[in-house]
Amino acid sequence: MIEMNPEIACGKPVIKGTRITVKLVLELLANGWNIEDIMEEYNLTEEQVKAAIEYAEYLAEKVRIVKI
């Protein structure tokens, strides 16, 4: 559901088939929007919005601090 293409949104992760970035979805949620509002405003499915959240969760899990 999430893709990165250097020709779309400068290679930032977007919802596949759109120019809507994962970052935008997360910013909207952080600013009080609910999933239904995002779906309506940006013509997305619940599955697409949740995929953006899950992608961010995946990335957050991969971040580690390494002691040098």
PDB file of N, CA and C in Angstrom:
ATOM      1  N   MET A   1       0.800  -1.213   0.000  1.00  0.00           N
ATOM      2  CA  MET A   1       0.000   0.000   0.000  1.00  0.00           C
ATOM      3  C   MET A   1       0.838   1.270   0.000  1.00  0.00           C
ATOM      4  N   ILE A   2       2.091   1.165   0.417  1.00  0.00           N
ATOM      5  CA  ILE A   2       2.971   2.329   0.469  1.00  0.00           C
ATOM      6  C   ILE A   2       4.066   2.137  -0.582  1.00  0.00           C
ATOM      7  N   GLU A   3       4.358   3.192  -1.298  1.00  0.00           N
ATOM      8  CA  GLU A   3       5.414   3.112  -2.305  1.00  0.00           C
ATOM      9  C   GLU A   3       6.302   4.344  -2.240  1.00  0.00           C
ATOM     10  N   MET A   4       7.507   4.187  -2.763  1.00  0.00           N
ATOM     11  CA  MET A   4       8.449   5.303  -2.896  1.00  0.00           C
ATOM     12  C   MET A   4       8.929   5.301  -4.333  1.00  0.00           C
ATOM     13  N   ASN A   5       8.794   6.444  -4.964  1.00  0.00           N
ATOM     14  CA  ASN A   5       9.183   6.610  -6.358  1.00  0.00           C
ATOM     15  C   ASN A   5       9.847   7.976  -6.469  1.00  0.00           C
ATOM     16  N   PRO A   6      11.076   8.039  -6.983  1.00  0.00           N
ATOM     17  CA  PRO A   6      11.765   9.332  -7.053  1.00  0.00           C
ATOM     18  C   PRO A   6      11.011  10.389  -7.870  1.00  0.00           C
ATOM     19  N   GLU A   7      10.054   9.951  -8.679  1.00  0.00           N
ATOM     20  CA  GLU A   7       9.304  10.906  -9.501  1.00  0.00           C
ATOM     21  C   GLU A   7       7.998  11.349  -8.846  1.00  0.00           C
ATOM     22  N   ILE A   8       7.703  10.803  -7.682  1.00  0.00           N
ATOM     23  CA  ILE A   8       6.485  11.185  -6.957  1.00  0.00           C
ATOM     24  C   ILE A   8       6.884  11.686  -5.578  1.00  0.00           C
ATOM     25  N   ALA A   9       6.509  12.903  -5.262  1.00  0.00           N
ATOM     26  CA  ALA A   9       6.760  13.511  -3.943  1.00  0.00           C
ATOM     27  C   ALA A   9       8.235  13.421  -3.547  1.00  0.00           C
ATOM     28  N   CYS A  10       9.105  13.588  -4.519  1.00  0.00           N
ATOM     29  CA  CYS A  10      10.560  13.572  -4.288  1.00  0.00           C
ATOM     30  C   CYS A  10      11.027  12.269  -3.625  1.00  0.00           C
ATOM     31  N   GLY A  11      10.334  11.184  -3.881  1.00  0.00           N
ATOM     32  CA  GLY A  11      10.740   9.891  -3.343  1.00  0.00           C
ATOM     33  C   GLY A  11      10.268   9.603  -1.939  1.00  0.00           C
ATOM     34  N   LYS A  12       9.479  10.505  -1.354  1.00  0.00           N
ATOM     35  CA  LYS A  12       8.947  10.267  -0.005  1.00  0.00           C
ATOM     36  C   LYS A  12       7.896   9.147  -0.073  1.00  0.00           C
ATOM     37  N   PRO A  13       7.704   8.416   1.017  1.00  0.00           N
ATOM     38  CA  PRO A  13       6.692   7.365   1.004  1.00  0.00           C
ATOM     39  C   PRO A  13       5.290   7.955   0.833  1.00  0.00           C
ATOM     40  N   VAL A  14       4.561   7.403  -0.118  1.00  0.00           N
ATOM     41  CA  VAL A  14       3.191   7.843  -0.403  1.00  0.00           C
ATOM     42  C   VAL A  14       2.266   6.641  -0.408  1.00  0.00           C
ATOM     43  N   ILE A  15       0.994   6.913  -0.302  1.00  0.00           N
ATOM     44  CA  ILE A  15       0.000   5.865  -0.459  1.00  0.00           C
ATOM     45  C   ILE A  15      -0.028   5.510  -1.939  1.00  0.00           C
ATOM     46  N   LYS A  16       0.149   4.233  -2.220  1.00  0.00           N
ATOM     47  CA  LYS A  16       0.265   3.761  -3.598  1.00  0.00           C
ATOM     48  C   LYS A  16      -0.884   4.273  -4.468  1.00  0.00           C
ATOM     49  N   GLY A  17      -0.498   4.775  -5.647  1.00  0.00           N
ATOM     50  CA  GLY A  17      -1.476   5.284  -6.596  1.00  0.00           C
ATOM     51  C   GLY A  17      -1.924   6.704  -6.324  1.00  0.00           C
ATOM     52  N   THR A  18      -1.312   7.351  -5.318  1.00  0.00           N
ATOM     53  CA  THR A  18      -1.662   8.734  -4.979  1.00  0.00           C
ATOM     54  C   THR A  18      -0.376   9.545  -4.815  1.00  0.00           C
ATOM     55  N   ARG A  19      -0.534  10.807  -4.553  1.00  0.00           N
ATOM     56  CA  ARG A  19       0.588  11.665  -4.194  1.00  0.00           C
ATOM     57  C   ARG A  19       0.476  12.066  -2.716  1.00  0.00           C
ATOM     58  N   ILE A  20      -0.315  11.334  -1.968  1.00  0.00           N
ATOM     59  CA  ILE A  20      -0.548  11.626  -0.559  1.00  0.00           C
ATOM     60  C   ILE A  20       0.526  10.936   0.265  1.00  0.00           C
ATOM     61  N   THR A  21       1.327  11.746   0.964  1.00  0.00           N
ATOM     62  CA  THR A  21       2.458  11.203   1.706  1.00  0.00           C
ATOM     63  C   THR A  21       2.019  10.616   3.049  1.00  0.00           C
ATOM     64  N   VAL A  22       2.802   9.659   3.502  1.00  0.00           N
ATOM     65  CA  VAL A  22       2.603   9.101   4.838  1.00  0.00           C
ATOM     66  C   VAL A  22       2.720  10.227   5.856  1.00  0.00           C
ATOM     67  N   LYS A  23       3.659  11.128   5.635  1.00  0.00           N
ATOM     68  CA  LYS A  23       3.866  12.255   6.549  1.00  0.00           C
ATOM     69  C   LYS A  23       2.590  13.090   6.681  1.00  0.00           C
ATOM     70  N   LEU A  24       1.909  13.356   5.578  1.00  0.00           N
ATOM     71  CA  LEU A  24       0.675  14.141   5.633  1.00  0.00           C
ATOM     72  C   LEU A  24      -0.372  13.431   6.487  1.00  0.00           C
ATOM     73  N   VAL A  25      -0.542  12.140   6.270  1.00  0.00           N
ATOM     74  CA  VAL A  25      -1.526  11.384   7.046  1.00  0.00           C
ATOM     75  C   VAL A  25      -1.204  11.472   8.536  1.00  0.00           C
ATOM     76  N   LEU A  26       0.066  11.292   8.880  1.00  0.00           N
ATOM     77  CA  LEU A  26       0.464  11.360  10.290  1.00  0.00           C
ATOM     78  C   LEU A  26       0.272  12.755  10.868  1.00  0.00           C
ATOM     79  N   GLU A  27       0.583  13.782  10.088  1.00  0.00           N
ATOM     80  CA  GLU A  27       0.386  15.162  10.553  1.00  0.00           C
ATOM     81  C   GLU A  27      -1.093  15.436  10.818  1.00  0.00           C
ATOM     82  N   LEU A  28      -1.953  14.964   9.921  1.00  0.00           N
ATOM     83  CA  LEU A  28      -3.388  15.171  10.115  1.00  0.00           C
ATOM     84  C   LEU A  28      -3.865  14.485  11.390  1.00  0.00           C
ATOM     85  N   LEU A  29      -3.437  13.255  11.598  1.00  0.00           N
ATOM     86  CA  LEU A  29      -3.814  12.533  12.814  1.00  0.00           C
ATOM     87  C   LEU A  29      -3.300  13.250  14.056  1.00  0.00           C
ATOM     88  N   ALA A  30      -2.064  13.740  13.990  1.00  0.00           N
ATOM     89  CA  ALA A  30      -1.478  14.450  15.132  1.00  0.00           C
ATOM     90  C   ALA A  30      -2.217  15.746  15.434  1.00  0.00           C
ATOM     91  N   ASN A  31      -2.867  16.303  14.416  1.00  0.00           N
ATOM     92  CA  ASN A  31      -3.608  17.548  14.591  1.00  0.00           C
ATOM     93  C   ASN A  31      -5.094  17.337  14.856  1.00  0.00           C
ATOM     94  N   GLY A  32      -5.452  16.106  15.243  1.00  0.00           N
ATOM     95  CA  GLY A  32      -6.818  15.865  15.683  1.00  0.00           C
ATOM     96  C   GLY A  32      -7.784  15.311  14.655  1.00  0.00           C
ATOM     97  N   TRP A  33      -7.328  15.116  13.430  1.00  0.00           N
ATOM     98  CA  TRP A  33      -8.214  14.518  12.433  1.00  0.00           C
ATOM     99  C   TRP A  33      -8.425  13.062  12.793  1.00  0.00           C
ATOM    100  N   ASN A  34      -9.590  12.527  12.471  1.00  0.00           N
ATOM    101  CA  ASN A  34      -9.790  11.096  12.650  1.00  0.00           C
ATOM    102  C   ASN A  34      -9.711  10.419  11.279  1.00  0.00           C
ATOM    103  N   ILE A  35      -9.677   9.108  11.294  1.00  0.00           N
ATOM    104  CA  ILE A  35      -9.503   8.360  10.051  1.00  0.00           C
ATOM    105  C   ILE A  35     -10.630   8.670   9.059  1.00  0.00           C
ATOM    106  N   GLU A  36     -11.838   8.787   9.546  1.00  0.00           N
ATOM    107  CA  GLU A  36     -12.981   9.063   8.671  1.00  0.00           C
ATOM    108  C   GLU A  36     -12.837  10.418   7.978  1.00  0.00           C
ATOM    109  N   ASP A  37     -12.361  11.435   8.716  1.00  0.00           N
ATOM    110  CA  ASP A  37     -12.146  12.761   8.122  1.00  0.00           C
ATOM    111  C   ASP A  37     -11.119  12.691   7.000  1.00  0.00           C
ATOM    112  N   ILE A  38     -10.040  11.977   7.246  1.00  0.00           N
ATOM    113  CA  ILE A  38      -8.979  11.849   6.243  1.00  0.00           C
ATOM    114  C   ILE A  38      -9.508  11.108   5.022  1.00  0.00           C
ATOM    115  N   MET A  39     -10.252  10.041   5.251  1.00  0.00           N
ATOM    116  CA  MET A  39     -10.822   9.274   4.143  1.00  0.00           C
ATOM    117  C   MET A  39     -11.698  10.163   3.264  1.00  0.00           C
ATOM    118  N   GLU A  40     -12.542  10.944   3.895  1.00  0.00           N
ATOM    119  CA  GLU A  40     -13.470  11.803   3.158  1.00  0.00           C
ATOM    120  C   GLU A  40     -12.743  12.925   2.415  1.00  0.00           C
ATOM    121  N   GLU A  41     -11.839  13.598   3.110  1.00  0.00           N
ATOM    122  CA  GLU A  41     -11.153  14.756   2.516  1.00  0.00           C
ATOM    123  C   GLU A  41     -10.208  14.360   1.383  1.00  0.00           C
ATOM    124  N   TYR A  42      -9.546  13.208   1.505  1.00  0.00           N
ATOM    125  CA  TYR A  42      -8.525  12.818   0.537  1.00  0.00           C
ATOM    126  C   TYR A  42      -8.921  11.611  -0.308  1.00  0.00           C
ATOM    127  N   ASN A  43     -10.185  11.203  -0.223  1.00  0.00           N
ATOM    128  CA  ASN A  43     -10.711  10.106  -1.026  1.00  0.00           C
ATOM    129  C   ASN A  43      -9.872   8.831  -0.869  1.00  0.00           C
ATOM    130  N   LEU A  44      -9.619   8.468   0.377  1.00  0.00           N
ATOM    131  CA  LEU A  44      -8.840   7.277   0.692  1.00  0.00           C
ATOM    132  C   LEU A  44      -9.737   6.248   1.363  1.00  0.00           C
ATOM    133  N   THR A  45      -9.272   5.003   1.338  1.00  0.00           N
ATOM    134  CA  THR A  45      -9.975   3.950   2.062  1.00  0.00           C
ATOM    135  C   THR A  45      -9.401   3.852   3.469  1.00  0.00           C
ATOM    136  N   GLU A  46     -10.138   3.194   4.342  1.00  0.00           N
ATOM    137  CA  GLU A  46      -9.634   2.970   5.690  1.00  0.00           C
ATOM    138  C   GLU A  46      -8.338   2.158   5.639  1.00  0.00           C
ATOM    139  N   GLU A  47      -8.290   1.198   4.751  1.00  0.00           N
ATOM    140  CA  GLU A  47      -7.101   0.363   4.593  1.00  0.00           C
ATOM    141  C   GLU A  47      -5.874   1.204   4.217  1.00  0.00           C
ATOM    142  N   GLN A  48      -6.054   2.187   3.349  1.00  0.00           N
ATOM    143  CA  GLN A  48      -4.937   3.049   2.941  1.00  0.00           C
ATOM    144  C   GLN A  48      -4.438   3.897   4.104  1.00  0.00           C
ATOM    145  N   VAL A  49      -5.342   4.480   4.858  1.00  0.00           N
ATOM    146  CA  VAL A  49      -4.946   5.310   6.002  1.00  0.00           C
ATOM    147  C   VAL A  49      -4.225   4.449   7.035  1.00  0.00           C
ATOM    148  N   LYS A  50      -4.764   3.282   7.314  1.00  0.00           N
ATOM    149  CA  LYS A  50      -4.128   2.389   8.287  1.00  0.00           C
ATOM    150  C   LYS A  50      -2.773   1.903   7.791  1.00  0.00           C
ATOM    151  N   ALA A  51      -2.620   1.750   6.475  1.00  0.00           N
ATOM    152  CA  ALA A  51      -1.321   1.344   5.931  1.00  0.00           C
ATOM    153  C   ALA A  51      -0.268   2.415   6.203  1.00  0.00           C
ATOM    154  N   ALA A  52      -0.644   3.679   6.123  1.00  0.00           N
ATOM    155  CA  ALA A  52       0.288   4.770   6.420  1.00  0.00           C
ATOM    156  C   ALA A  52       0.711   4.718   7.885  1.00  0.00           C
ATOM    157  N   ILE A  53      -0.245   4.458   8.763  1.00  0.00           N
ATOM    158  CA  ILE A  53       0.058   4.361  10.194  1.00  0.00           C
ATOM    159  C   ILE A  53       0.965   3.164  10.456  1.00  0.00           C
ATOM    160  N   GLU A  54       0.645   2.047   9.855  1.00  0.00           N
ATOM    161  CA  GLU A  54       1.445   0.833  10.047  1.00  0.00           C
ATOM    162  C   GLU A  54       2.865   0.999   9.498  1.00  0.00           C
ATOM    163  N   TYR A  55       3.001   1.730   8.402  1.00  0.00           N
ATOM    164  CA  TYR A  55       4.329   1.984   7.833  1.00  0.00           C
ATOM    165  C   TYR A  55       5.165   2.809   8.815  1.00  0.00           C
ATOM    166  N   ALA A  56       4.569   3.826   9.397  1.00  0.00           N
ATOM    167  CA  ALA A  56       5.275   4.652  10.376  1.00  0.00           C
ATOM    168  C   ALA A  56       5.646   3.820  11.596  1.00  0.00           C
ATOM    169  N   GLU A  57       4.750   2.959  12.024  1.00  0.00           N
ATOM    170  CA  GLU A  57       5.025   2.077  13.154  1.00  0.00           C
ATOM    171  C   GLU A  57       6.200   1.147  12.831  1.00  0.00           C
ATOM    172  N   TYR A  58       6.213   0.612  11.632  1.00  0.00           N
ATOM    173  CA  TYR A  58       7.306  -0.260  11.183  1.00  0.00           C
ATOM    174  C   TYR A  58       8.648   0.480  11.238  1.00  0.00           C
ATOM    175  N   LEU A  59       8.664   1.698  10.726  1.00  0.00           N
ATOM    176  CA  LEU A  59       9.904   2.478  10.732  1.00  0.00           C
ATOM    177  C   LEU A  59      10.347   2.804  12.152  1.00  0.00           C
ATOM    178  N   ALA A  60       9.405   3.155  13.000  1.00  0.00           N
ATOM    179  CA  ALA A  60       9.740   3.487  14.389  1.00  0.00           C
ATOM    180  C   ALA A  60      10.347   2.280  15.100  1.00  0.00           C
ATOM    181  N   GLU A  61       9.881   1.109  14.773  1.00  0.00           N
ATOM    182  CA  GLU A  61      10.403  -0.114  15.391  1.00  0.00           C
ATOM    183  C   GLU A  61      11.835  -0.398  14.934  1.00  0.00           C
ATOM    184  N   LYS A  62      12.200   0.042  13.747  1.00  0.00           N
ATOM    185  CA  LYS A  62      13.518  -0.242  13.183  1.00  0.00           C
ATOM    186  C   LYS A  62      14.610   0.694  13.695  1.00  0.00           C
ATOM    187  N   VAL A  63      14.246   1.794  14.318  1.00  0.00           N
ATOM    188  CA  VAL A  63      15.219   2.770  14.798  1.00  0.00           C
ATOM    189  C   VAL A  63      15.880   2.235  16.067  1.00  0.00           C
ATOM    190  N   ARG A  64      17.171   2.244  16.074  1.00  0.00           N
ATOM    191  CA  ARG A  64      17.935   1.786  17.230  1.00  0.00           C
ATOM    192  C   ARG A  64      19.104   2.742  17.480  1.00  0.00           C
ATOM    193  N   ILE A  65      19.434   2.920  18.723  1.00  0.00           N
ATOM    194  CA  ILE A  65      20.624   3.703  19.074  1.00  0.00           C
ATOM    195  C   ILE A  65      21.751   2.699  19.297  1.00  0.00           C
ATOM    196  N   VAL A  66      22.838   2.950  18.632  1.00  0.00           N
ATOM    197  CA  VAL A  66      23.976   2.054  18.720  1.00  0.00           C
ATOM    198  C   VAL A  66      25.105   2.764  19.472  1.00  0.00           C
ATOM    199  N   LYS A  67      25.618   2.111  20.511  1.00  0.00           N
ATOM    200  CA  LYS A  67      26.725   2.676  21.269  1.00  0.00           C
ATOM    201  C   LYS A  67      28.027   2.412  20.507  1.00  0.00           C
ATOM    202  N   ILE A  68      28.777   3.464  20.309  1.00  0.00           N
ATOM    203  CA  ILE A  68      30.048   3.336  19.570  1.00  0.00           C
ATOM    204  C   ILE A  68      31.211   3.358  20.534  1.00  0.00           C
TER     205      ILE A  68
END
